[in-house]
Amino acid sequence: MDTAVAKLLERQEPPVRALAESLYDKLNRAFSGAVITCDDQGFGFGTDTGYKGLVFSAMPHRAHVNLGFNRGAELPDPAGLLEGTGKVHRHYKVRTVADLDRPELDELIIAALTKAGVR
């Protein structure tokens, strides 16, 4: 795990830390060549630093972790997993580790990577 991300997650309560670590692992497997960024609020996986290169973001909260999709408004989402009303960004709330095992989430991740030109 990226050291800056590990340091960020050390500050989280154990249940949220476990969710964020599982999410990090899932994204790392799906997008192994990603540029990983981190700030005080979360971490990102992208093709470059900065918002334009961002594909995914993860923001730990008190009881869940938001998995952000930078171009989520453009993604097919027949299961209705994505939340948000912005012109570009959408997010998925990860409340349990089981939320990460949904095949519909895997399809969204693949679609996001395809949209970003990574797959």
PDB file of N, CA and C in Angstrom:
ATOM      1  N   MET A   1       0.846  -1.181   0.000  1.00  0.00           N
ATOM      2  CA  MET A   1       0.000   0.000   0.000  1.00  0.00           C
ATOM      3  C   MET A   1       0.890   1.243   0.000  1.00  0.00           C
ATOM      4  N   ASP A   2       0.447   2.234  -0.731  1.00  0.00           N
ATOM      5  CA  ASP A   2       1.134   3.517  -0.773  1.00  0.00           C
ATOM      6  C   ASP A   2       1.295   4.060   0.654  1.00  0.00           C
ATOM      7  N   THR A   3       2.482   4.574   0.999  1.00  0.00           N
ATOM      8  CA  THR A   3       2.734   5.036   2.366  1.00  0.00           C
ATOM      9  C   THR A   3       1.864   6.215   2.772  1.00  0.00           C
ATOM     10  N   ALA A   4       1.600   7.141   1.870  1.00  0.00           N
ATOM     11  CA  ALA A   4       0.735   8.280   2.211  1.00  0.00           C
ATOM     12  C   ALA A   4      -0.688   7.807   2.490  1.00  0.00           C
ATOM     13  N   VAL A   5      -1.154   6.843   1.714  1.00  0.00           N
ATOM     14  CA  VAL A   5      -2.492   6.299   1.931  1.00  0.00           C
ATOM     15  C   VAL A   5      -2.535   5.558   3.268  1.00  0.00           C
ATOM     16  N   ALA A   6      -1.510   4.763   3.545  1.00  0.00           N
ATOM     17  CA  ALA A   6      -1.460   4.035   4.820  1.00  0.00           C
ATOM     18  C   ALA A   6      -1.508   5.007   5.995  1.00  0.00           C
ATOM     19  N   LYS A   7      -0.786   6.106   5.895  1.00  0.00           N
ATOM     20  CA  LYS A   7      -0.790   7.113   6.953  1.00  0.00           C
ATOM     21  C   LYS A   7      -2.170   7.745   7.114  1.00  0.00           C
ATOM     22  N   LEU A   8      -2.842   8.050   6.003  1.00  0.00           N
ATOM     23  CA  LEU A   8      -4.198   8.587   6.044  1.00  0.00           C
ATOM     24  C   LEU A   8      -5.136   7.600   6.743  1.00  0.00           C
ATOM     25  N   LEU A   9      -5.031   6.342   6.392  1.00  0.00           N
ATOM     26  CA  LEU A   9      -5.962   5.347   6.930  1.00  0.00           C
ATOM     27  C   LEU A   9      -5.695   5.024   8.393  1.00  0.00           C
ATOM     28  N   GLU A  10      -4.482   5.255   8.870  1.00  0.00           N
ATOM     29  CA  GLU A  10      -4.179   5.053  10.293  1.00  0.00           C
ATOM     30  C   GLU A  10      -5.080   5.905  11.179  1.00  0.00           C
ATOM     31  N   ARG A  11      -5.526   7.037  10.676  1.00  0.00           N
ATOM     32  CA  ARG A  11      -6.359   7.963  11.461  1.00  0.00           C
ATOM     33  C   ARG A  11      -7.829   7.550  11.513  1.00  0.00           C
ATOM     34  N   GLN A  12      -8.196   6.567  10.722  1.00  0.00           N
ATOM     35  CA  GLN A  12      -9.602   6.160  10.649  1.00  0.00           C
ATOM     36  C   GLN A  12      -9.926   5.119  11.725  1.00  0.00           C
ATOM     37  N   GLU A  13     -11.194   5.056  12.106  1.00  0.00           N
ATOM     38  CA  GLU A  13     -11.651   4.017  13.024  1.00  0.00           C
ATOM     39  C   GLU A  13     -11.500   2.663  12.340  1.00  0.00           C
ATOM     40  N   PRO A  14     -11.228   1.597  13.101  1.00  0.00           N
ATOM     41  CA  PRO A  14     -10.950   0.287  12.495  1.00  0.00           C
ATOM     42  C   PRO A  14     -11.966  -0.198  11.452  1.00  0.00           C
ATOM     43  N   PRO A  15     -13.283  -0.070  11.669  1.00  0.00           N
ATOM     44  CA  PRO A  15     -14.195  -0.564  10.624  1.00  0.00           C
ATOM     45  C   PRO A  15     -14.057   0.184   9.298  1.00  0.00           C
ATOM     46  N   VAL A  16     -13.919   1.501   9.363  1.00  0.00           N
ATOM     47  CA  VAL A  16     -13.769   2.294   8.135  1.00  0.00           C
ATOM     48  C   VAL A  16     -12.399   2.055   7.519  1.00  0.00           C
ATOM     49  N   ARG A  17     -11.385   1.913   8.351  1.00  0.00           N
ATOM     50  CA  ARG A  17     -10.043   1.612   7.848  1.00  0.00           C
ATOM     51  C   ARG A  17     -10.072   0.305   7.054  1.00  0.00           C
ATOM     52  N   ALA A  18     -10.737  -0.723   7.582  1.00  0.00           N
ATOM     53  CA  ALA A  18     -10.814  -2.016   6.890  1.00  0.00           C
ATOM     54  C   ALA A  18     -11.527  -1.878   5.543  1.00  0.00           C
ATOM     55  N   LEU A  19     -12.607  -1.103   5.510  1.00  0.00           N
ATOM     56  CA  LEU A  19     -13.305  -0.870   4.239  1.00  0.00           C
ATOM     57  C   LEU A  19     -12.399  -0.166   3.235  1.00  0.00           C
ATOM     58  N   ALA A  20     -11.721   0.880   3.688  1.00  0.00           N
ATOM     59  CA  ALA A  20     -10.850   1.656   2.799  1.00  0.00           C
ATOM     60  C   ALA A  20      -9.682   0.808   2.300  1.00  0.00           C
ATOM     61  N   GLU A  21      -9.132  -0.034   3.160  1.00  0.00           N
ATOM     62  CA  GLU A  21      -8.027  -0.911   2.744  1.00  0.00           C
ATOM     63  C   GLU A  21      -8.513  -1.927   1.717  1.00  0.00           C
ATOM     64  N   SER A  22      -9.695  -2.486   1.932  1.00  0.00           N
ATOM     65  CA  SER A  22     -10.254  -3.437   0.967  1.00  0.00           C
ATOM     66  C   SER A  22     -10.530  -2.754  -0.367  1.00  0.00           C
ATOM     67  N   LEU A  23     -11.047  -1.537  -0.314  1.00  0.00           N
ATOM     68  CA  LEU A  23     -11.291  -0.777  -1.531  1.00  0.00           C
ATOM     69  C   LEU A  23      -9.981  -0.475  -2.252  1.00  0.00           C
ATOM     70  N   TYR A  24      -8.968  -0.057  -1.509  1.00  0.00           N
ATOM     71  CA  TYR A  24      -7.648   0.210  -2.096  1.00  0.00           C
ATOM     72  C   TYR A  24      -7.150  -1.032  -2.837  1.00  0.00           C
ATOM     73  N   ASP A  25      -7.243  -2.195  -2.172  1.00  0.00           N
ATOM     74  CA  ASP A  25      -6.775  -3.442  -2.787  1.00  0.00           C
ATOM     75  C   ASP A  25      -7.550  -3.757  -4.070  1.00  0.00           C
ATOM     76  N   LYS A  26      -8.863  -3.560  -4.040  1.00  0.00           N
ATOM     77  CA  LYS A  26      -9.693  -3.828  -5.217  1.00  0.00           C
ATOM     78  C   LYS A  26      -9.287  -2.917  -6.382  1.00  0.00           C
ATOM     79  N   LEU A  27      -9.143  -1.631  -6.101  1.00  0.00           N
ATOM     80  CA  LEU A  27      -8.750  -0.695  -7.157  1.00  0.00           C
ATOM     81  C   LEU A  27      -7.346  -0.978  -7.660  1.00  0.00           C
ATOM     82  N   ASN A  28      -6.463  -1.351  -6.769  1.00  0.00           N
ATOM     83  CA  ASN A  28      -5.085  -1.651  -7.160  1.00  0.00           C
ATOM     84  C   ASN A  28      -5.027  -2.875  -8.079  1.00  0.00           C
ATOM     85  N   ARG A  29      -5.872  -3.873  -7.815  1.00  0.00           N
ATOM     86  CA  ARG A  29      -5.925  -5.039  -8.702  1.00  0.00           C
ATOM     87  C   ARG A  29      -6.507  -4.664 -10.063  1.00  0.00           C
ATOM     88  N   ALA A  30      -7.535  -3.825 -10.070  1.00  0.00           N
ATOM     89  CA  ALA A  30      -8.190  -3.448 -11.324  1.00  0.00           C
ATOM     90  C   ALA A  30      -7.363  -2.473 -12.153  1.00  0.00           C
ATOM     91  N   PHE A  31      -6.567  -1.643 -11.483  1.00  0.00           N
ATOM     92  CA  PHE A  31      -5.846  -0.547 -12.149  1.00  0.00           C
ATOM     93  C   PHE A  31      -4.425  -0.515 -11.602  1.00  0.00           C
ATOM     94  N   SER A  32      -3.689  -1.584 -11.876  1.00  0.00           N
ATOM     95  CA  SER A  32      -2.371  -1.775 -11.259  1.00  0.00           C
ATOM     96  C   SER A  32      -1.338  -0.728 -11.652  1.00  0.00           C
ATOM     97  N   GLY A  33      -1.478  -0.086 -12.777  1.00  0.00           N
ATOM     98  CA  GLY A  33      -0.498   0.919 -13.191  1.00  0.00           C
ATOM     99  C   GLY A  33      -0.890   2.339 -12.829  1.00  0.00           C
ATOM    100  N   ALA A  34      -1.824   2.493 -11.936  1.00  0.00           N
ATOM    101  CA  ALA A  34      -2.367   3.815 -11.606  1.00  0.00           C
ATOM    102  C   ALA A  34      -1.354   4.721 -10.928  1.00  0.00           C
ATOM    103  N   VAL A  35      -1.537   6.009 -11.142  1.00  0.00           N
ATOM    104  CA  VAL A  35      -0.844   7.032 -10.365  1.00  0.00           C
ATOM    105  C   VAL A  35      -1.709   7.236  -9.124  1.00  0.00           C
ATOM    106  N   ILE A  36      -1.145   6.981  -7.953  1.00  0.00           N
ATOM    107  CA  ILE A  36      -1.899   7.089  -6.705  1.00  0.00           C
ATOM    108  C   ILE A  36      -1.610   8.434  -6.069  1.00  0.00           C
ATOM    109  N   THR A  37      -2.679   9.141  -5.738  1.00  0.00           N
ATOM    110  CA  THR A  37      -2.551  10.435  -5.083  1.00  0.00           C
ATOM    111  C   THR A  37      -3.253  10.357  -3.731  1.00  0.00           C
ATOM    112  N   CYS A  38      -2.862  11.248  -2.828  1.00  0.00           N
ATOM    113  CA  CYS A  38      -3.439  11.245  -1.490  1.00  0.00           C
ATOM    114  C   CYS A  38      -3.378  12.658  -0.916  1.00  0.00           C
ATOM    115  N   ASP A  39      -4.455  13.024  -0.197  1.00  0.00           N
ATOM    116  CA  ASP A  39      -4.452  14.280   0.543  1.00  0.00           C
ATOM    117  C   ASP A  39      -5.082  14.022   1.908  1.00  0.00           C
ATOM    118  N   ASP A  40      -5.436  15.065   2.615  1.00  0.00           N
ATOM    119  CA  ASP A  40      -5.987  14.921   3.967  1.00  0.00           C
ATOM    120  C   ASP A  40      -7.333  14.213   4.007  1.00  0.00           C
ATOM    121  N   GLN A  41      -8.040  14.208   2.904  1.00  0.00           N
ATOM    122  CA  GLN A  41      -9.401  13.686   2.896  1.00  0.00           C
ATOM    123  C   GLN A  41      -9.556  12.323   2.257  1.00  0.00           C
ATOM    124  N   GLY A  42      -8.652  11.938   1.375  1.00  0.00           N
ATOM    125  CA  GLY A  42      -8.809  10.658   0.696  1.00  0.00           C
ATOM    126  C   GLY A  42      -7.675  10.374  -0.257  1.00  0.00           C
ATOM    127  N   PHE A  43      -7.877   9.343  -1.043  1.00  0.00           N
ATOM    128  CA  PHE A  43      -6.858   8.944  -2.018  1.00  0.00           C
ATOM    129  C   PHE A  43      -7.505   8.721  -3.378  1.00  0.00           C
ATOM    130  N   GLY A  44      -6.673   8.760  -4.410  1.00  0.00           N
ATOM    131  CA  GLY A  44      -7.184   8.605  -5.765  1.00  0.00           C
ATOM    132  C   GLY A  44      -6.308   7.697  -6.600  1.00  0.00           C
ATOM    133  N   PHE A  45      -6.925   7.122  -7.618  1.00  0.00           N
ATOM    134  CA  PHE A  45      -6.235   6.317  -8.622  1.00  0.00           C
ATOM    135  C   PHE A  45      -6.504   6.984  -9.953  1.00  0.00           C
ATOM    136  N   GLY A  46      -5.451   7.271 -10.710  1.00  0.00           N
ATOM    137  CA  GLY A  46      -5.649   7.952 -11.977  1.00  0.00           C
ATOM    138  C   GLY A  46      -4.555   7.673 -12.970  1.00  0.00           C
ATOM    139  N   THR A  47      -4.642   8.381 -14.087  1.00  0.00           N
ATOM    140  CA  THR A  47      -3.644   8.266 -15.140  1.00  0.00           C
ATOM    141  C   THR A  47      -2.552   9.305 -14.979  1.00  0.00           C
ATOM    142  N   ASP A  48      -2.814  10.298 -14.113  1.00  0.00           N
ATOM    143  CA  ASP A  48      -1.872  11.377 -13.868  1.00  0.00           C
ATOM    144  C   ASP A  48      -2.297  12.067 -12.575  1.00  0.00           C
ATOM    145  N   THR A  49      -1.460  12.943 -12.062  1.00  0.00           N
ATOM    146  CA  THR A  49      -1.843  13.713 -10.886  1.00  0.00           C
ATOM    147  C   THR A  49      -2.860  14.776 -11.308  1.00  0.00           C
ATOM    148  N   GLY A  50      -3.630  15.257 -10.386  1.00  0.00           N
ATOM    149  CA  GLY A  50      -4.628  16.279 -10.682  1.00  0.00           C
ATOM    150  C   GLY A  50      -5.971  15.689 -11.051  1.00  0.00           C
ATOM    151  N   TYR A  51      -6.983  16.531 -10.997  1.00  0.00           N
ATOM    152  CA  TYR A  51      -8.357  16.069 -11.202  1.00  0.00           C
ATOM    153  C   TYR A  51      -8.586  15.518 -12.608  1.00  0.00           C
ATOM    154  N   LYS A  52      -7.978  16.111 -13.614  1.00  0.00           N
ATOM    155  CA  LYS A  52      -8.192  15.651 -14.988  1.00  0.00           C
ATOM    156  C   LYS A  52      -7.717  14.227 -15.205  1.00  0.00           C
ATOM    157  N   GLY A  53      -6.697  13.804 -14.476  1.00  0.00           N
ATOM    158  CA  GLY A  53      -6.195  12.445 -14.608  1.00  0.00           C
ATOM    159  C   GLY A  53      -6.862  11.449 -13.685  1.00  0.00           C
ATOM    160  N   LEU A  54      -7.697  11.933 -12.784  1.00  0.00           N
ATOM    161  CA  LEU A  54      -8.335  11.080 -11.787  1.00  0.00           C
ATOM    162  C   LEU A  54      -9.389  10.178 -12.426  1.00  0.00           C
ATOM    163  N   VAL A  55      -9.378   8.903 -12.038  1.00  0.00           N
ATOM    164  CA  VAL A  55     -10.395   7.955 -12.480  1.00  0.00           C
ATOM    165  C   VAL A  55     -11.281   7.588 -11.291  1.00  0.00           C
ATOM    166  N   PHE A  56     -10.639   7.258 -10.158  1.00  0.00           N
ATOM    167  CA  PHE A  56     -11.359   6.884  -8.937  1.00  0.00           C
ATOM    168  C   PHE A  56     -10.832   7.693  -7.760  1.00  0.00           C
ATOM    169  N   SER A  57     -11.713   7.974  -6.812  1.00  0.00           N
ATOM    170  CA  SER A  57     -11.295   8.573  -5.548  1.00  0.00           C
ATOM    171  C   SER A  57     -11.957   7.795  -4.420  1.00  0.00           C
ATOM    172  N   ALA A  58     -11.341   7.826  -3.270  1.00  0.00           N
ATOM    173  CA  ALA A  58     -11.908   7.172  -2.086  1.00  0.00           C
ATOM    174  C   ALA A  58     -11.829   8.148  -0.925  1.00  0.00           C
ATOM    175  N   MET A  59     -12.981   8.378  -0.314  1.00  0.00           N
ATOM    176  CA  MET A  59     -13.075   9.340   0.787  1.00  0.00           C
ATOM    177  C   MET A  59     -13.654   8.633   2.008  1.00  0.00           C
ATOM    178  N   PRO A  60     -12.834   8.354   3.008  1.00  0.00           N
ATOM    179  CA  PRO A  60     -13.371   7.745   4.232  1.00  0.00           C
ATOM    180  C   PRO A  60     -14.247   8.733   4.998  1.00  0.00           C
ATOM    181  N   HIS A  61     -15.355   8.236   5.509  1.00  0.00           N
ATOM    182  CA  HIS A  61     -16.265   9.001   6.351  1.00  0.00           C
ATOM    183  C   HIS A  61     -16.429   8.236   7.662  1.00  0.00           C
ATOM    184  N   ARG A  62     -17.285   8.692   8.519  1.00  0.00           N
ATOM    185  CA  ARG A  62     -17.456   8.073   9.837  1.00  0.00           C
ATOM    186  C   ARG A  62     -17.919   6.616   9.757  1.00  0.00           C
ATOM    187  N   ALA A  63     -18.874   6.324   8.863  1.00  0.00           N
ATOM    188  CA  ALA A  63     -19.460   4.983   8.827  1.00  0.00           C
ATOM    189  C   ALA A  63     -19.385   4.313   7.455  1.00  0.00           C
ATOM    190  N   HIS A  64     -18.735   4.951   6.497  1.00  0.00           N
ATOM    191  CA  HIS A  64     -18.627   4.374   5.156  1.00  0.00           C
ATOM    192  C   HIS A  64     -17.445   5.024   4.421  1.00  0.00           C
ATOM    193  N   VAL A  65     -17.202   4.520   3.219  1.00  0.00           N
ATOM    194  CA  VAL A  65     -16.188   5.106   2.344  1.00  0.00           C
ATOM    195  C   VAL A  65     -16.873   5.392   1.008  1.00  0.00           C
ATOM    196  N   ASN A  66     -16.740   6.611   0.521  1.00  0.00           N
ATOM    197  CA  ASN A  66     -17.275   6.940  -0.804  1.00  0.00           C
ATOM    198  C   ASN A  66     -16.246   6.566  -1.859  1.00  0.00           C
ATOM    199  N   LEU A  67     -16.675   5.758  -2.807  1.00  0.00           N
ATOM    200  CA  LEU A  67     -15.862   5.460  -3.983  1.00  0.00           C
ATOM    201  C   LEU A  67     -16.348   6.390  -5.081  1.00  0.00           C
ATOM    202  N   GLY A  68     -15.511   7.348  -5.445  1.00  0.00           N
ATOM    203  CA  GLY A  68     -15.881   8.321  -6.463  1.00  0.00           C
ATOM    204  C   GLY A  68     -15.447   7.882  -7.845  1.00  0.00           C
ATOM    205  N   PHE A  69     -16.302   8.169  -8.815  1.00  0.00           N
ATOM    206  CA  PHE A  69     -16.013   7.913 -10.224  1.00  0.00           C
ATOM    207  C   PHE A  69     -15.966   9.275 -10.900  1.00  0.00           C
ATOM    208  N   ASN A  70     -14.774   9.680 -11.364  1.00  0.00           N
ATOM    209  CA  ASN A  70     -14.603  11.015 -11.908  1.00  0.00           C
ATOM    210  C   ASN A  70     -15.543  11.306 -13.067  1.00  0.00           C
ATOM    211  N   ARG A  71     -15.763  10.347 -13.943  1.00  0.00           N
ATOM    212  CA  ARG A  71     -16.675  10.563 -15.069  1.00  0.00           C
ATOM    213  C   ARG A  71     -17.918   9.685 -14.900  1.00  0.00           C
ATOM    214  N   GLY A  72     -18.356   9.539 -13.669  1.00  0.00           N
ATOM    215  CA  GLY A  72     -19.465   8.654 -13.347  1.00  0.00           C
ATOM    216  C   GLY A  72     -20.770   9.006 -14.025  1.00  0.00           C
ATOM    217  N   ALA A  73     -20.998  10.280 -14.308  1.00  0.00           N
ATOM    218  CA  ALA A  73     -22.239  10.683 -14.973  1.00  0.00           C
ATOM    219  C   ALA A  73     -22.331  10.110 -16.382  1.00  0.00           C
ATOM    220  N   GLU A  74     -21.192   9.722 -16.949  1.00  0.00           N
ATOM    221  CA  GLU A  74     -21.152   9.183 -18.308  1.00  0.00           C
ATOM    222  C   GLU A  74     -21.230   7.661 -18.334  1.00  0.00           C
ATOM    223  N   LEU A  75     -21.215   7.012 -17.176  1.00  0.00           N
ATOM    224  CA  LEU A  75     -21.155   5.551 -17.127  1.00  0.00           C
ATOM    225  C   LEU A  75     -22.539   4.913 -17.140  1.00  0.00           C
ATOM    226  N   PRO A  76     -22.661   3.751 -17.791  1.00  0.00           N
ATOM    227  CA  PRO A  76     -23.915   3.009 -17.701  1.00  0.00           C
ATOM    228  C   PRO A  76     -24.052   2.475 -16.271  1.00  0.00           C
ATOM    229  N   ASP A  77     -25.214   2.639 -15.680  1.00  0.00           N
ATOM    230  CA  ASP A  77     -25.435   2.198 -14.297  1.00  0.00           C
ATOM    231  C   ASP A  77     -26.845   1.615 -14.161  1.00  0.00           C
ATOM    232  N   PRO A  78     -27.105   0.496 -14.845  1.00  0.00           N
ATOM    233  CA  PRO A  78     -28.461  -0.067 -14.808  1.00  0.00           C
ATOM    234  C   PRO A  78     -28.909  -0.500 -13.412  1.00  0.00           C
ATOM    235  N   ALA A  79     -27.975  -0.818 -12.522  1.00  0.00           N
ATOM    236  CA  ALA A  79     -28.324  -1.238 -11.160  1.00  0.00           C
ATOM    237  C   ALA A  79     -28.587  -0.044 -10.247  1.00  0.00           C
ATOM    238  N   GLY A  80     -28.282   1.168 -10.713  1.00  0.00           N
ATOM    239  CA  GLY A  80     -28.526   2.366  -9.919  1.00  0.00           C
ATOM    240  C   GLY A  80     -27.645   2.485  -8.691  1.00  0.00           C
ATOM    241  N   LEU A  81     -26.402   2.038  -8.800  1.00  0.00           N
ATOM    242  CA  LEU A  81     -25.473   2.096  -7.660  1.00  0.00           C
ATOM    243  C   LEU A  81     -24.963   3.507  -7.390  1.00  0.00           C
ATOM    244  N   LEU A  82     -24.794   4.285  -8.434  1.00  0.00           N
ATOM    245  CA  LEU A  82     -24.138   5.580  -8.280  1.00  0.00           C
ATOM    246  C   LEU A  82     -25.089   6.650  -7.749  1.00  0.00           C
ATOM    247  N   GLU A  83     -24.537   7.493  -6.880  1.00  0.00           N
ATOM    248  CA  GLU A  83     -25.277   8.605  -6.293  1.00  0.00           C
ATOM    249  C   GLU A  83     -24.612   9.904  -6.705  1.00  0.00           C
ATOM    250  N   GLY A  84     -25.369  10.993  -6.615  1.00  0.00           N
ATOM    251  CA  GLY A  84     -24.845  12.318  -6.907  1.00  0.00           C
ATOM    252  C   GLY A  84     -25.585  12.961  -8.055  1.00  0.00           C
ATOM    253  N   THR A  85     -25.473  14.273  -8.109  1.00  0.00           N
ATOM    254  CA  THR A  85     -26.185  15.026  -9.140  1.00  0.00           C
ATOM    255  C   THR A  85     -25.266  15.960  -9.923  1.00  0.00           C
ATOM    256  N   GLY A  86     -23.968  15.842  -9.704  1.00  0.00           N
ATOM    257  CA  GLY A  86     -23.034  16.704 -10.412  1.00  0.00           C
ATOM    258  C   GLY A  86     -23.000  16.409 -11.902  1.00  0.00           C
ATOM    259  N   LYS A  87     -22.454  17.327 -12.669  1.00  0.00           N
ATOM    260  CA  LYS A  87     -22.378  17.156 -14.115  1.00  0.00           C
ATOM    261  C   LYS A  87     -21.402  16.054 -14.529  1.00  0.00           C
ATOM    262  N   VAL A  88     -20.410  15.761 -13.676  1.00  0.00           N
ATOM    263  CA  VAL A  88     -19.365  14.814 -14.049  1.00  0.00           C
ATOM    264  C   VAL A  88     -19.225  13.676 -13.037  1.00  0.00           C
ATOM    265  N   HIS A  89     -19.100  13.994 -11.790  1.00  0.00           N
ATOM    266  CA  HIS A  89     -18.733  13.039 -10.741  1.00  0.00           C
ATOM    267  C   HIS A  89     -19.952  12.308 -10.169  1.00  0.00           C
ATOM    268  N   ARG A  90     -19.764  11.024  -9.850  1.00  0.00           N
ATOM    269  CA  ARG A  90     -20.748  10.224  -9.116  1.00  0.00           C
ATOM    270  C   ARG A  90     -19.987   9.414  -8.082  1.00  0.00           C
ATOM    271  N   HIS A  91     -20.702   8.888  -7.079  1.00  0.00           N
ATOM    272  CA  HIS A  91     -20.037   8.083  -6.064  1.00  0.00           C
ATOM    273  C   HIS A  91     -20.905   6.904  -5.647  1.00  0.00           C
ATOM    274  N   TYR A  92     -20.246   5.927  -5.047  1.00  0.00           N
ATOM    275  CA  TYR A  92     -20.884   4.716  -4.526  1.00  0.00           C
ATOM    276  C   TYR A  92     -20.480   4.609  -3.068  1.00  0.00           C
ATOM    277  N   LYS A  93     -21.459   4.446  -2.189  1.00  0.00           N
ATOM    278  CA  LYS A  93     -21.166   4.331  -0.764  1.00  0.00           C
ATOM    279  C   LYS A  93     -20.837   2.884  -0.410  1.00  0.00           C
ATOM    280  N   VAL A  94     -19.632   2.662   0.104  1.00  0.00           N
ATOM    281  CA  VAL A  94     -19.201   1.345   0.559  1.00  0.00           C
ATOM    282  C   VAL A  94     -19.421   1.305   2.063  1.00  0.00           C
ATOM    283  N   ARG A  95     -20.416   0.530   2.485  1.00  0.00           N
ATOM    284  CA  ARG A  95     -20.744   0.436   3.912  1.00  0.00           C
ATOM    285  C   ARG A  95     -20.252  -0.863   4.534  1.00  0.00           C
ATOM    286  N   THR A  96     -20.121  -1.896   3.703  1.00  0.00           N
ATOM    287  CA  THR A  96     -19.636  -3.197   4.173  1.00  0.00           C
ATOM    288  C   THR A  96     -18.677  -3.757   3.136  1.00  0.00           C
ATOM    289  N   VAL A  97     -17.873  -4.707   3.537  1.00  0.00           N
ATOM    290  CA  VAL A  97     -16.958  -5.351   2.589  1.00  0.00           C
ATOM    291  C   VAL A  97     -17.757  -6.046   1.492  1.00  0.00           C
ATOM    292  N   ALA A  98     -18.940  -6.563   1.834  1.00  0.00           N
ATOM    293  CA  ALA A  98     -19.788  -7.216   0.834  1.00  0.00           C
ATOM    294  C   ALA A  98     -20.195  -6.255  -0.279  1.00  0.00           C
ATOM    295  N   ASP A  99     -20.284  -4.964   0.032  1.00  0.00           N
ATOM    296  CA  ASP A  99     -20.606  -3.977  -1.003  1.00  0.00           C
ATOM    297  C   ASP A  99     -19.557  -3.955  -2.105  1.00  0.00           C
ATOM    298  N   LEU A 100     -18.348  -4.351  -1.790  1.00  0.00           N
ATOM    299  CA  LEU A 100     -17.262  -4.369  -2.772  1.00  0.00           C
ATOM    300  C   LEU A 100     -17.319  -5.594  -3.674  1.00  0.00           C
ATOM    301  N   ASP A 101     -18.116  -6.588  -3.296  1.00  0.00           N
ATOM    302  CA  ASP A 101     -18.186  -7.839  -4.063  1.00  0.00           C
ATOM    303  C   ASP A 101     -19.308  -7.867  -5.084  1.00  0.00           C
ATOM    304  N   ARG A 102     -20.034  -6.782  -5.231  1.00  0.00           N
ATOM    305  CA  ARG A 102     -21.151  -6.756  -6.176  1.00  0.00           C
ATOM    306  C   ARG A 102     -20.645  -6.782  -7.616  1.00  0.00           C
ATOM    307  N   PRO A 103     -21.148  -7.681  -8.433  1.00  0.00           N
ATOM    308  CA  PRO A 103     -20.712  -7.722  -9.840  1.00  0.00           C
ATOM    309  C   PRO A 103     -21.017  -6.426 -10.581  1.00  0.00           C
ATOM    310  N   GLU A 104     -22.099  -5.734 -10.181  1.00  0.00           N
ATOM    311  CA  GLU A 104     -22.433  -4.461 -10.822  1.00  0.00           C
ATOM    312  C   GLU A 104     -21.351  -3.410 -10.567  1.00  0.00           C
ATOM    313  N   LEU A 105     -20.713  -3.487  -9.392  1.00  0.00           N
ATOM    314  CA  LEU A 105     -19.612  -2.569  -9.093  1.00  0.00           C
ATOM    315  C   LEU A 105     -18.413  -2.891  -9.981  1.00  0.00           C
ATOM    316  N   ASP A 106     -18.137  -4.172 -10.157  1.00  0.00           N
ATOM    317  CA  ASP A 106     -17.040  -4.567 -11.049  1.00  0.00           C
ATOM    318  C   ASP A 106     -17.278  -4.030 -12.459  1.00  0.00           C
ATOM    319  N   GLU A 107     -18.528  -4.097 -12.915  1.00  0.00           N
ATOM    320  CA  GLU A 107     -18.860  -3.586 -14.244  1.00  0.00           C
ATOM    321  C   GLU A 107     -18.643  -2.073 -14.327  1.00  0.00           C
ATOM    322  N   LEU A 108     -18.997  -1.352 -13.255  1.00  0.00           N
ATOM    323  CA  LEU A 108     -18.763   0.095 -13.235  1.00  0.00           C
ATOM    324  C   LEU A 108     -17.276   0.416 -13.263  1.00  0.00           C
ATOM    325  N   ILE A 109     -16.489  -0.327 -12.524  1.00  0.00           N
ATOM    326  CA  ILE A 109     -15.036  -0.101 -12.498  1.00  0.00           C
ATOM    327  C   ILE A 109     -14.442  -0.330 -13.880  1.00  0.00           C
ATOM    328  N   ILE A 110     -14.846  -1.416 -14.525  1.00  0.00           N
ATOM    329  CA  ILE A 110     -14.354  -1.714 -15.888  1.00  0.00           C
ATOM    330  C   ILE A 110     -14.794  -0.604 -16.854  1.00  0.00           C
ATOM    331  N   ALA A 111     -16.043  -0.166 -16.742  1.00  0.00           N
ATOM    332  CA  ALA A 111     -16.532   0.903 -17.623  1.00  0.00           C
ATOM    333  C   ALA A 111     -15.752   2.193 -17.401  1.00  0.00           C
ATOM    334  N   ALA A 112     -15.434   2.510 -16.149  1.00  0.00           N
ATOM    335  CA  ALA A 112     -14.662   3.724 -15.838  1.00  0.00           C
ATOM    336  C   ALA A 112     -13.253   3.629 -16.420  1.00  0.00           C
ATOM    337  N   LEU A 113     -12.642   2.474 -16.313  1.00  0.00           N
ATOM    338  CA  LEU A 113     -11.298   2.284 -16.865  1.00  0.00           C
ATOM    339  C   LEU A 113     -11.320   2.369 -18.378  1.00  0.00           C
ATOM    340  N   THR A 114     -12.352   1.823 -18.990  1.00  0.00           N
ATOM    341  CA  THR A 114     -12.504   1.897 -20.449  1.00  0.00           C
ATOM    342  C   THR A 114     -12.692   3.356 -20.884  1.00  0.00           C
ATOM    343  N   LYS A 115     -13.553   4.089 -20.160  1.00  0.00           N
ATOM    344  CA  LYS A 115     -13.809   5.499 -20.461  1.00  0.00           C
ATOM    345  C   LYS A 115     -12.517   6.316 -20.360  1.00  0.00           C
ATOM    346  N   ALA A 116     -11.657   5.956 -19.394  1.00  0.00           N
ATOM    347  CA  ALA A 116     -10.393   6.666 -19.185  1.00  0.00           C
ATOM    348  C   ALA A 116      -9.314   6.218 -20.174  1.00  0.00           C
ATOM    349  N   GLY A 117      -9.609   5.222 -21.011  1.00  0.00           N
ATOM    350  CA  GLY A 117      -8.629   4.734 -21.978  1.00  0.00           C
ATOM    351  C   GLY A 117      -7.579   3.820 -21.390  1.00  0.00           C
ATOM    352  N   VAL A 118      -7.862   3.263 -20.221  1.00  0.00           N
ATOM    353  CA  VAL A 118      -6.895   2.387 -19.554  1.00  0.00           C
ATOM    354  C   VAL A 118      -7.086   0.939 -19.998  1.00  0.00           C
ATOM    355  N   ARG A 119      -8.291   0.567 -20.370  1.00  0.00           N
ATOM    356  CA  ARG A 119      -8.599  -0.804 -20.817  1.00  0.00           C
ATOM    357  C   ARG A 119      -9.003  -0.806 -22.263  1.00  0.00           C
TER     358      ARG A 119
END
